[in-house]
Protein backbone atom coordinates (compact mmCIF):
# COMPACT_ATOMS: atom_id res chain seq x y z
CA MET A 1 -29.45 16.45 -12.77
CA ARG A 2 -26.44 17.14 -10.70
CA ARG A 3 -24.23 17.06 -14.06
CA SER A 4 -26.91 19.35 -15.91
CA PHE A 5 -26.92 22.07 -12.99
CA THR A 6 -23.05 21.96 -12.83
CA VAL A 7 -22.61 22.64 -16.48
CA SER A 8 -25.36 25.35 -16.33
CA LEU A 9 -23.89 27.06 -13.30
CA GLU A 10 -20.46 26.93 -14.88
CA ARG A 11 -21.69 28.71 -17.94
CA TYR A 12 -22.86 31.54 -15.64
CA GLY A 13 -19.34 31.87 -14.33
CA TYR A 14 -19.53 29.92 -11.15
CA THR A 15 -16.89 27.38 -9.96
CA VAL A 16 -18.91 24.29 -9.00
CA ARG A 17 -17.72 21.22 -6.74
CA ALA A 18 -20.31 18.48 -7.12
CA ALA A 19 -20.88 15.44 -4.70
CA ALA A 20 -22.93 12.36 -5.35
CA ASP A 21 -23.88 11.92 -1.62
CA GLY A 22 -24.04 13.63 1.68
CA LEU A 23 -20.91 12.18 3.30
CA THR A 24 -18.63 13.01 0.23
CA GLY A 25 -20.33 16.52 0.33
CA LEU A 26 -19.48 16.91 4.00
CA GLU A 27 -15.91 15.83 3.57
CA SER A 28 -15.43 18.34 0.64
CA PHE A 29 -16.99 21.02 2.62
CA ARG A 30 -14.50 20.32 5.35
CA ASP A 31 -11.45 20.29 2.99
CA GLU A 32 -12.57 23.43 1.15
CA GLU A 33 -13.95 26.96 1.30
CA PHE A 34 -17.26 27.60 -0.30
CA ASP A 35 -19.46 30.80 -0.91
CA LEU A 36 -22.65 28.70 -0.95
CA LEU A 37 -24.09 25.34 -0.70
CA ILE A 38 -26.95 23.74 -2.73
CA LEU A 39 -28.29 20.69 -0.75
CA ASP A 40 -30.76 18.15 -2.26
CA VAL A 41 -32.98 16.80 0.56
CA MET A 42 -32.63 13.28 -0.94
CA LEU A 43 -29.09 12.76 -0.90
CA PRO A 44 -27.94 9.26 -0.22
CA GLY A 45 -25.83 8.24 2.76
CA LEU A 46 -26.37 11.47 4.80
CA ASP A 47 -29.38 13.41 3.50
CA GLY A 48 -29.42 16.98 2.66
CA ILE A 49 -31.33 18.02 5.95
CA GLY A 50 -28.57 16.15 8.10
CA LEU A 51 -25.90 17.67 6.15
CA CYS A 52 -27.26 20.97 6.67
CA ARG A 53 -27.20 20.52 10.43
CA LYS A 54 -23.51 19.29 10.23
CA VAL A 55 -22.74 22.48 8.29
CA ARG A 56 -24.48 24.79 10.79
CA GLU A 57 -22.50 23.33 13.62
CA THR A 58 -19.28 25.14 12.33
CA SER A 59 -20.42 27.60 9.53
CA LEU A 60 -22.91 30.29 8.66
CA VAL A 61 -22.30 29.73 4.74
CA PRO A 62 -25.52 30.39 2.73
CA VAL A 63 -27.55 27.12 2.17
CA LEU A 64 -29.89 26.68 -0.61
CA MET A 65 -31.98 23.55 -0.05
CA MET A 66 -33.43 21.58 -3.06
CA SER A 67 -36.67 19.65 -2.64
CA ALA A 68 -39.02 17.45 -4.76
CA ARG A 69 -42.21 19.12 -5.63
CA GLY A 70 -44.91 18.96 -2.89
CA ASP A 71 -42.69 17.74 -0.11
CA GLY A 72 -43.76 20.28 2.38
CA LEU A 73 -42.38 18.45 5.38
CA ASP A 74 -38.98 18.32 3.70
CA ILE A 75 -39.15 22.15 3.13
CA VAL A 76 -39.98 22.79 6.66
CA ALA A 77 -37.36 20.40 7.99
CA GLY A 78 -34.52 21.99 5.64
CA LEU A 79 -35.44 25.52 6.87
CA GLU A 80 -35.36 24.56 10.60
CA ALA A 81 -32.07 22.89 10.00
CA GLY A 82 -30.65 26.04 9.03
CA ALA A 83 -31.10 26.53 5.30
CA ASP A 84 -31.53 30.19 4.08
CA ASP A 85 -33.87 29.31 1.12
CA TYR A 86 -35.21 26.65 -1.03
CA VAL A 87 -36.15 25.60 -4.52
CA VAL A 88 -38.59 23.03 -5.67
CA LYS A 89 -37.64 20.41 -8.29
CA PRO A 90 -37.86 20.63 -11.25
CA VAL A 91 -36.32 24.25 -11.27
CA ASP A 92 -35.49 26.37 -14.06
CA THR A 93 -31.81 27.40 -14.17
CA ASN A 94 -32.66 31.12 -14.44
CA VAL A 95 -34.64 30.82 -11.12
CA LEU A 96 -31.79 28.87 -9.32
CA VAL A 97 -29.28 31.49 -10.57
CA ALA A 98 -31.62 34.14 -9.12
CA ARG A 99 -31.81 32.49 -5.74
CA ILE A 100 -27.96 32.00 -5.78
CA ARG A 101 -27.43 35.56 -6.55
CA SER A 102 -29.84 36.96 -3.98
CA LEU A 103 -28.04 34.68 -1.21
CA LEU A 104 -24.69 35.86 -2.35
CA ARG A 105 -25.69 39.43 -2.04
CA ARG A 106 -26.89 38.67 1.69
CA ALA A 107 -23.64 36.99 2.32
CA THR A 108 -21.71 40.18 1.17
CA TYR A 109 -24.04 42.72 2.69
CA ALA A 110 -22.46 45.90 4.23
CA PRO A 111 -23.78 49.33 4.62
CA ALA A 112 -22.74 52.01 2.26
CA PRO A 113 -19.64 53.78 3.09
CA ALA A 114 -19.81 57.54 3.68
CA GLY A 115 -20.38 59.40 0.57
CA GLY A 116 -21.20 55.93 -1.22
CA GLN A 117 -23.49 55.91 -4.12
CA PRO A 118 -27.07 55.16 -3.74
CA GLY A 119 -28.93 52.04 -5.31
CA GLN A 120 -26.02 49.57 -4.91
CA PRO A 121 -27.59 46.07 -4.31
CA GLY A 122 -27.33 44.81 -0.66
CA GLN A 123 -26.24 48.20 0.73
CA VAL A 124 -28.12 50.56 2.95
CA THR A 125 -27.76 54.14 1.50
CA GLU A 126 -28.88 57.48 2.51
CA GLN A 127 -31.97 57.30 0.24
CA GLU A 128 -33.14 54.00 2.10
CA PRO A 129 -34.80 53.94 5.50
CA GLY A 130 -32.87 52.23 8.09
CA PRO A 131 -30.27 53.04 10.75
CA SER A 132 -27.13 55.14 9.69
CA GLU A 133 -23.57 53.52 9.27
CA GLY A 134 -21.84 52.66 12.42
CA GLU A 135 -24.88 53.44 14.78
CA LEU A 136 -25.27 51.12 17.94
CA LEU A 137 -28.74 50.26 18.19
CA ALA A 138 -30.16 48.76 21.57
CA PHE A 139 -33.56 46.85 22.18
CA GLY A 140 -33.38 45.91 25.84
CA ASP A 141 -30.29 43.75 26.06
CA LEU A 142 -30.13 43.25 22.25
CA THR A 143 -27.38 45.46 20.74
CA LEU A 144 -26.83 45.72 17.08
CA HIS A 145 -23.90 47.58 15.50
CA THR A 146 -24.94 48.52 11.95
CA GLY A 147 -21.41 49.28 10.86
CA GLY A 148 -19.58 46.28 11.91
CA LEU A 149 -22.87 44.16 11.85
CA ASP A 150 -22.16 42.83 15.34
CA VAL A 151 -25.04 41.37 17.26
CA ALA A 152 -24.94 40.60 21.10
CA VAL A 153 -27.33 39.82 23.69
CA GLY A 154 -26.68 40.80 27.28
CA GLY A 155 -23.11 41.45 26.07
CA THR A 156 -22.55 38.04 24.66
CA PRO A 157 -21.98 37.86 20.90
CA VAL A 158 -24.44 36.20 18.66
CA ALA A 159 -23.55 34.45 15.54
CA LEU A 160 -26.33 35.00 12.74
CA THR A 161 -26.29 33.57 9.16
CA PRO A 162 -26.31 36.24 6.43
CA THR A 163 -30.17 35.67 6.03
CA GLU A 164 -30.76 35.92 9.84
CA LEU A 165 -28.70 39.18 10.07
CA LYS A 166 -30.43 40.93 7.09
CA LEU A 167 -33.75 39.83 8.60
CA LEU A 168 -32.76 41.44 11.92
CA LEU A 169 -31.61 44.55 10.18
CA GLU A 170 -34.89 44.80 8.52
CA PHE A 171 -36.80 44.75 11.75
CA ALA A 172 -34.12 47.07 13.35
CA ALA A 173 -34.86 49.77 10.66
CA HIS A 174 -38.57 49.44 11.63
CA PRO A 175 -38.80 48.93 15.40
CA GLY A 176 -42.26 48.73 16.80
CA ILE A 177 -43.66 48.58 13.23
CA VAL A 178 -45.49 45.55 11.86
CA LEU A 179 -43.72 44.21 8.83
CA GLU A 180 -46.00 41.83 6.69
CA ARG A 181 -44.62 38.63 5.33
CA HIS A 182 -44.63 39.61 1.73
CA THR A 183 -42.72 42.74 2.63
CA LEU A 184 -40.02 40.79 4.27
CA LEU A 185 -39.87 38.34 1.28
CA ARG A 186 -39.33 41.26 -0.97
CA ASN A 187 -36.79 43.07 1.10
CA VAL A 188 -34.79 40.31 2.79
CA TRP A 189 -35.06 37.38 0.10
CA ASP A 190 -35.40 39.44 -2.84
CA TYR A 191 -38.57 38.01 -3.98
CA GLY A 192 -40.20 39.92 -6.87
CA TRP A 193 -43.17 37.90 -6.36
CA ASP A 194 -45.30 36.30 -3.38
CA GLY A 195 -43.13 33.46 -1.99
CA ASP A 196 -43.51 30.89 0.55
CA SER A 197 -44.19 32.57 3.83
CA ARG A 198 -42.83 29.44 5.60
CA VAL A 199 -39.33 30.84 4.65
CA VAL A 200 -40.02 33.95 6.77
CA ASP A 201 -41.72 32.01 9.58
CA LEU A 202 -38.99 29.59 9.86
CA CYS A 203 -36.21 32.29 9.92
CA VAL A 204 -38.03 34.36 12.53
CA GLN A 205 -38.28 31.25 14.66
CA ARG A 206 -34.56 30.70 14.29
CA LEU A 207 -33.98 34.47 15.18
CA ARG A 208 -36.00 34.04 18.26
CA GLY A 209 -33.99 31.14 19.37
CA LYS A 210 -30.80 33.18 19.20
CA LEU A 211 -32.09 36.43 20.38
CA GLY A 212 -34.87 35.57 22.94
CA ARG A 213 -38.31 34.07 22.57
CA ASP A 214 -40.11 37.45 23.01
CA ARG A 215 -37.90 39.84 20.97
CA ILE A 216 -39.86 39.48 17.93
CA GLU A 217 -43.70 39.55 18.29
CA THR A 218 -46.24 37.87 16.12
CA VAL A 219 -49.12 40.08 15.10
CA ARG A 220 -51.64 37.40 13.83
CA GLY A 221 -53.00 37.92 10.39
CA PHE A 222 -50.42 40.66 9.66
CA GLY A 223 -46.79 39.72 10.21
CA TYR A 224 -43.97 40.41 12.81
CA LYS A 225 -42.44 43.50 14.72
CA LEU A 226 -39.49 43.91 16.68
CA LYS A 227 -40.20 45.25 20.26
CA ARG A 228 -38.54 48.46 21.07
């Protein structure tokens, strides 16, 4: 499967470095720079969840977790460890590539420059709802600079993964408004269909851990909202 995915992704134009076990993968990660990691939960030596935790100690690189069908506990554990998204084996190459492209768009997210063209992927434009470029937003002691994409709590900078940052920007564009899980899946994860809401729930949980437990409110039966 590793060889098959390597060949398939290279045909799509990606440069791929493959590792047969977690420890080799960790060594490769520390020696080189990567735009995205795909981690299988069942890696020998150091499993994908443990590897994800090691990566998150030093890096915010996007992580896509790969799990066997039906292993719900593995999926939750991977997302809790810091993964941005997951796919279930067996996975179609087209689906895998779509998830990769979505993660890379989030990783290169930036507000549109002044006079920029609307409709460009991963950018906030004048036609889209949301804070303007370069605006400093404050929600209590939480501040978000939408131009530099800088986040701070009580004046202390907070490091967010691309997915966490995109999720916070979505909340900040609609303060005090309840956002349903399927809306967040569509706008943050680029899901064109109803995905697994656990991805949203676990990412919100990670955001709360970094920004404060009471910053994002759960509205039972509906979704989440950012307190003004």
